[in-house]
Amino acid sequence: MNKIRKGDEVIVIAGRDKGKRGKVTQRADETRLLVEGVNIVKKHAKPNPMKGITGGIIAKTMSIHQSNVAIFNPSTGKADRVGIKVLEDGNKVRVFKSSGAEIKAA
């Protein structure tokens, strides 16, 4: 079970964009995430008339490692750790470590 999923609001805890918040738009692979507004780089694109690409310098969101983000807890307004709790019926739910409150699925 992934502790950080698509749609979660996260805060960056390490790196160039430390302190920025954003929603997870995609999981690039098992360990990397795409977060909107975080880790934006300038890429030089060659024009490709077959695909309709004009070329030039474009801003692109790159992936960030999941260890550099923490889930954002709206009740405290801070970053929080995620725990997994097993319910009586056998289902697993994600909870905030600080309060024990269940994390709502996006």
N, C-alpha and C. Protein backbone atom coordinates (compact mmCIF):
# COMPACT_ATOMS: atom_id res chain seq x y z
N MET A 1 0.85 -1.19 0.00
CA MET A 1 0.00 0.00 0.00
C MET A 1 0.88 1.24 0.00
N ASN A 2 0.70 2.10 -1.00
CA ASN A 2 1.46 3.34 -1.07
C ASN A 2 0.94 4.32 -0.03
N LYS A 3 1.87 4.93 0.70
CA LYS A 3 1.46 5.89 1.72
C LYS A 3 1.08 7.23 1.11
N ILE A 4 1.66 7.55 -0.06
CA ILE A 4 1.29 8.78 -0.76
C ILE A 4 0.70 8.36 -2.10
N ARG A 5 -0.50 8.85 -2.39
CA ARG A 5 -1.22 8.44 -3.59
C ARG A 5 -1.55 9.65 -4.46
N LYS A 6 -2.02 9.36 -5.67
CA LYS A 6 -2.46 10.40 -6.59
C LYS A 6 -3.63 11.15 -5.95
N GLY A 7 -3.57 12.48 -6.01
CA GLY A 7 -4.63 13.30 -5.45
C GLY A 7 -4.35 13.82 -4.05
N ASP A 8 -3.34 13.28 -3.37
CA ASP A 8 -2.99 13.74 -2.03
C ASP A 8 -2.32 15.10 -2.10
N GLU A 9 -2.56 15.93 -1.09
CA GLU A 9 -1.85 17.20 -0.99
C GLU A 9 -0.60 16.97 -0.16
N VAL A 10 0.55 17.33 -0.73
CA VAL A 10 1.82 17.09 -0.07
C VAL A 10 2.59 18.40 0.08
N ILE A 11 3.57 18.37 0.96
CA ILE A 11 4.47 19.51 1.16
C ILE A 11 5.89 18.99 0.99
N VAL A 12 6.73 19.76 0.29
CA VAL A 12 8.10 19.34 0.04
C VAL A 12 8.93 19.63 1.29
N ILE A 13 9.66 18.61 1.77
CA ILE A 13 10.43 18.76 3.01
C ILE A 13 11.93 18.84 2.76
N ALA A 14 12.38 18.62 1.51
CA ALA A 14 13.81 18.68 1.21
C ALA A 14 14.01 19.09 -0.24
N GLY A 15 15.11 19.76 -0.50
CA GLY A 15 15.46 20.11 -1.86
C GLY A 15 15.23 21.57 -2.19
N ARG A 16 15.34 21.89 -3.47
CA ARG A 16 15.25 23.26 -3.96
C ARG A 16 13.88 23.89 -3.68
N ASP A 17 12.82 23.09 -3.73
CA ASP A 17 11.46 23.59 -3.56
C ASP A 17 10.92 23.37 -2.16
N LYS A 18 11.78 23.29 -1.17
CA LYS A 18 11.38 23.02 0.21
C LYS A 18 10.33 24.03 0.68
N GLY A 19 9.25 23.53 1.25
CA GLY A 19 8.18 24.38 1.76
C GLY A 19 7.00 24.54 0.82
N LYS A 20 7.17 24.18 -0.45
CA LYS A 20 6.07 24.32 -1.41
C LYS A 20 5.05 23.20 -1.21
N ARG A 21 3.79 23.54 -1.49
CA ARG A 21 2.71 22.57 -1.39
C ARG A 21 2.10 22.35 -2.76
N GLY A 22 1.56 21.16 -2.98
CA GLY A 22 0.89 20.86 -4.23
C GLY A 22 0.23 19.50 -4.18
N LYS A 23 -0.61 19.24 -5.18
CA LYS A 23 -1.28 17.94 -5.29
C LYS A 23 -0.45 16.99 -6.13
N VAL A 24 -0.48 15.72 -5.75
CA VAL A 24 0.19 14.68 -6.53
C VAL A 24 -0.66 14.42 -7.75
N THR A 25 -0.10 14.66 -8.94
CA THR A 25 -0.85 14.47 -10.18
C THR A 25 -0.66 13.07 -10.75
N GLN A 26 0.48 12.46 -10.43
CA GLN A 26 0.78 11.16 -11.02
C GLN A 26 1.92 10.51 -10.24
N ARG A 27 1.92 9.18 -10.19
CA ARG A 27 3.07 8.43 -9.69
C ARG A 27 3.87 8.01 -10.91
N ALA A 28 5.09 8.55 -11.06
CA ALA A 28 5.92 8.25 -12.23
C ALA A 28 6.37 6.78 -12.21
N ASP A 29 6.77 6.30 -11.06
CA ASP A 29 7.08 4.88 -10.87
C ASP A 29 6.90 4.56 -9.40
N GLU A 30 7.55 3.52 -8.92
CA GLU A 30 7.33 3.06 -7.54
C GLU A 30 7.79 4.10 -6.50
N THR A 31 8.81 4.90 -6.84
CA THR A 31 9.37 5.81 -5.84
C THR A 31 9.28 7.29 -6.20
N ARG A 32 8.85 7.63 -7.41
CA ARG A 32 8.86 9.03 -7.83
C ARG A 32 7.45 9.53 -8.10
N LEU A 33 7.23 10.83 -7.79
CA LEU A 33 5.91 11.46 -7.91
C LEU A 33 6.00 12.70 -8.77
N LEU A 34 4.90 13.03 -9.44
CA LEU A 34 4.77 14.32 -10.10
C LEU A 34 3.84 15.16 -9.24
N VAL A 35 4.34 16.31 -8.78
CA VAL A 35 3.57 17.21 -7.93
C VAL A 35 3.42 18.53 -8.66
N GLU A 36 2.17 19.03 -8.76
CA GLU A 36 1.94 20.26 -9.52
C GLU A 36 2.60 21.45 -8.83
N GLY A 37 3.33 22.25 -9.61
CA GLY A 37 3.99 23.44 -9.11
C GLY A 37 5.31 23.19 -8.41
N VAL A 38 5.80 21.95 -8.44
CA VAL A 38 7.03 21.60 -7.75
C VAL A 38 8.01 21.00 -8.75
N ASN A 39 9.29 21.34 -8.61
CA ASN A 39 10.37 20.80 -9.44
C ASN A 39 10.15 21.13 -10.92
N ILE A 40 9.86 22.39 -11.20
CA ILE A 40 9.66 22.85 -12.57
C ILE A 40 11.02 23.24 -13.15
N VAL A 41 11.33 22.70 -14.32
CA VAL A 41 12.60 22.98 -14.98
C VAL A 41 12.34 23.54 -16.37
N LYS A 42 13.33 24.21 -16.91
CA LYS A 42 13.26 24.74 -18.28
C LYS A 42 13.90 23.71 -19.22
N LYS A 43 13.15 23.30 -20.22
CA LYS A 43 13.64 22.33 -21.19
C LYS A 43 13.70 23.00 -22.56
N HIS A 44 14.75 22.70 -23.31
CA HIS A 44 14.88 23.20 -24.66
C HIS A 44 14.29 22.16 -25.61
N ALA A 45 13.24 22.55 -26.34
CA ALA A 45 12.55 21.61 -27.23
C ALA A 45 12.81 22.01 -28.68
N LYS A 46 13.16 21.04 -29.49
CA LYS A 46 13.35 21.29 -30.92
C LYS A 46 11.98 21.35 -31.58
N PRO A 47 11.83 22.17 -32.59
CA PRO A 47 10.55 22.20 -33.29
C PRO A 47 10.30 20.91 -34.05
N ASN A 48 9.05 20.46 -34.02
CA ASN A 48 8.66 19.25 -34.74
C ASN A 48 7.31 19.53 -35.41
N PRO A 49 7.34 19.92 -36.68
CA PRO A 49 6.09 20.28 -37.35
C PRO A 49 5.14 19.09 -37.52
N MET A 50 5.66 17.86 -37.53
CA MET A 50 4.80 16.69 -37.65
C MET A 50 3.89 16.51 -36.43
N LYS A 51 4.43 16.85 -35.25
CA LYS A 51 3.65 16.73 -34.01
C LYS A 51 3.02 18.05 -33.59
N GLY A 52 3.33 19.12 -34.28
CA GLY A 52 2.78 20.43 -33.95
C GLY A 52 3.51 21.13 -32.83
N ILE A 53 4.75 20.73 -32.55
CA ILE A 53 5.55 21.36 -31.50
C ILE A 53 6.32 22.51 -32.10
N THR A 54 6.17 23.71 -31.51
CA THR A 54 6.83 24.89 -32.06
C THR A 54 8.28 24.96 -31.66
N GLY A 55 8.65 24.42 -30.54
CA GLY A 55 10.03 24.48 -30.08
C GLY A 55 10.26 25.68 -29.19
N GLY A 56 11.47 25.81 -28.70
CA GLY A 56 11.83 26.90 -27.80
C GLY A 56 12.06 26.37 -26.40
N ILE A 57 12.00 27.26 -25.42
CA ILE A 57 12.22 26.90 -24.03
C ILE A 57 10.86 26.74 -23.36
N ILE A 58 10.61 25.56 -22.82
CA ILE A 58 9.32 25.29 -22.16
C ILE A 58 9.56 24.92 -20.70
N ALA A 59 8.60 25.26 -19.86
CA ALA A 59 8.65 24.87 -18.45
C ALA A 59 7.97 23.52 -18.31
N LYS A 60 8.64 22.60 -17.65
CA LYS A 60 8.13 21.24 -17.53
C LYS A 60 8.24 20.78 -16.08
N THR A 61 7.22 20.09 -15.59
CA THR A 61 7.27 19.54 -14.24
C THR A 61 7.98 18.20 -14.28
N MET A 62 9.01 18.06 -13.46
CA MET A 62 9.76 16.81 -13.38
C MET A 62 9.38 16.09 -12.08
N SER A 63 9.72 14.81 -12.04
CA SER A 63 9.33 14.01 -10.88
C SER A 63 10.23 14.34 -9.68
N ILE A 64 9.72 14.02 -8.50
CA ILE A 64 10.45 14.22 -7.25
C ILE A 64 10.36 12.92 -6.46
N HIS A 65 11.40 12.60 -5.72
CA HIS A 65 11.41 11.35 -4.96
C HIS A 65 10.43 11.46 -3.79
N GLN A 66 9.74 10.36 -3.50
CA GLN A 66 8.71 10.39 -2.47
C GLN A 66 9.27 10.62 -1.07
N SER A 67 10.57 10.37 -0.87
CA SER A 67 11.17 10.63 0.44
C SER A 67 11.33 12.12 0.70
N ASN A 68 11.23 12.94 -0.35
CA ASN A 68 11.39 14.39 -0.20
C ASN A 68 10.07 15.12 0.00
N VAL A 69 8.97 14.38 0.11
CA VAL A 69 7.68 15.00 0.37
C VAL A 69 7.02 14.32 1.56
N ALA A 70 6.15 15.06 2.22
CA ALA A 70 5.34 14.53 3.32
C ALA A 70 3.90 14.95 3.08
N ILE A 71 2.98 14.14 3.53
CA ILE A 71 1.57 14.46 3.34
C ILE A 71 1.21 15.66 4.21
N PHE A 72 0.34 16.52 3.69
CA PHE A 72 -0.06 17.74 4.38
C PHE A 72 -1.30 17.46 5.22
N ASN A 73 -1.22 17.77 6.51
CA ASN A 73 -2.35 17.58 7.43
C ASN A 73 -3.11 18.91 7.55
N PRO A 74 -4.33 19.00 6.99
CA PRO A 74 -5.05 20.28 7.02
C PRO A 74 -5.48 20.72 8.42
N SER A 75 -5.64 19.78 9.36
CA SER A 75 -6.08 20.17 10.70
C SER A 75 -4.97 20.88 11.47
N THR A 76 -3.70 20.47 11.26
CA THR A 76 -2.59 21.13 11.94
C THR A 76 -1.90 22.17 11.07
N GLY A 77 -2.06 22.05 9.75
CA GLY A 77 -1.40 22.97 8.83
C GLY A 77 0.06 22.66 8.62
N LYS A 78 0.49 21.44 8.97
CA LYS A 78 1.89 21.06 8.86
C LYS A 78 2.02 19.73 8.13
N ALA A 79 3.27 19.36 7.85
CA ALA A 79 3.55 18.06 7.27
C ALA A 79 3.35 16.99 8.33
N ASP A 80 2.98 15.80 7.88
CA ASP A 80 2.72 14.71 8.82
C ASP A 80 3.18 13.40 8.21
N ARG A 81 3.38 12.41 9.07
CA ARG A 81 3.73 11.07 8.62
C ARG A 81 2.46 10.26 8.47
N VAL A 82 2.56 9.18 7.69
CA VAL A 82 1.40 8.35 7.40
C VAL A 82 1.60 6.98 8.03
N GLY A 83 0.54 6.51 8.70
CA GLY A 83 0.53 5.16 9.24
C GLY A 83 -0.59 4.38 8.61
N ILE A 84 -0.54 3.06 8.74
CA ILE A 84 -1.58 2.21 8.19
C ILE A 84 -2.24 1.47 9.35
N LYS A 85 -3.57 1.58 9.39
CA LYS A 85 -4.34 0.96 10.46
C LYS A 85 -5.25 -0.10 9.85
N VAL A 86 -5.31 -1.26 10.48
CA VAL A 86 -6.17 -2.34 10.01
C VAL A 86 -7.48 -2.28 10.79
N LEU A 87 -8.60 -2.18 10.07
CA LEU A 87 -9.91 -2.13 10.71
C LEU A 87 -10.37 -3.54 11.09
N GLU A 88 -11.49 -3.62 11.85
CA GLU A 88 -11.99 -4.91 12.29
C GLU A 88 -12.38 -5.81 11.13
N ASP A 89 -12.88 -5.21 10.04
CA ASP A 89 -13.32 -6.01 8.89
C ASP A 89 -12.15 -6.43 7.99
N GLY A 90 -10.91 -6.07 8.36
CA GLY A 90 -9.75 -6.49 7.60
C GLY A 90 -9.24 -5.46 6.60
N ASN A 91 -9.99 -4.38 6.39
CA ASN A 91 -9.56 -3.34 5.46
C ASN A 91 -8.45 -2.49 6.08
N LYS A 92 -7.58 -1.99 5.22
CA LYS A 92 -6.50 -1.12 5.67
C LYS A 92 -6.84 0.32 5.30
N VAL A 93 -6.58 1.25 6.21
CA VAL A 93 -6.79 2.67 5.95
C VAL A 93 -5.53 3.42 6.35
N ARG A 94 -5.30 4.54 5.67
CA ARG A 94 -4.17 5.40 6.02
C ARG A 94 -4.61 6.39 7.08
N VAL A 95 -3.74 6.64 8.06
CA VAL A 95 -4.04 7.57 9.14
C VAL A 95 -2.85 8.50 9.34
N PHE A 96 -3.13 9.71 9.87
CA PHE A 96 -2.07 10.63 10.25
C PHE A 96 -1.45 10.12 11.55
N LYS A 97 -0.12 10.09 11.62
CA LYS A 97 0.57 9.61 12.81
C LYS A 97 0.34 10.53 14.01
N SER A 98 0.24 11.85 13.79
CA SER A 98 0.14 12.78 14.91
C SER A 98 -1.21 12.69 15.61
N SER A 99 -2.29 12.58 14.83
CA SER A 99 -3.62 12.60 15.43
C SER A 99 -4.36 11.28 15.37
N GLY A 100 -3.95 10.40 14.48
CA GLY A 100 -4.66 9.13 14.31
C GLY A 100 -5.89 9.25 13.46
N ALA A 101 -6.14 10.44 12.90
CA ALA A 101 -7.31 10.66 12.06
C ALA A 101 -7.11 10.00 10.70
N GLU A 102 -8.20 9.49 10.14
CA GLU A 102 -8.14 8.81 8.86
C GLU A 102 -7.91 9.82 7.73
N ILE A 103 -7.10 9.44 6.76
CA ILE A 103 -6.84 10.29 5.61
C ILE A 103 -7.94 10.01 4.58
N LYS A 104 -8.64 11.06 4.19
CA LYS A 104 -9.72 10.92 3.23
C LYS A 104 -9.15 10.67 1.85
N ALA A 105 -9.72 9.71 1.12
CA ALA A 105 -9.28 9.41 -0.23
C ALA A 105 -9.72 10.54 -1.17
N ALA A 106 -8.83 10.92 -2.06
CA ALA A 106 -9.12 12.03 -2.98
C ALA A 106 -10.00 11.60 -4.13
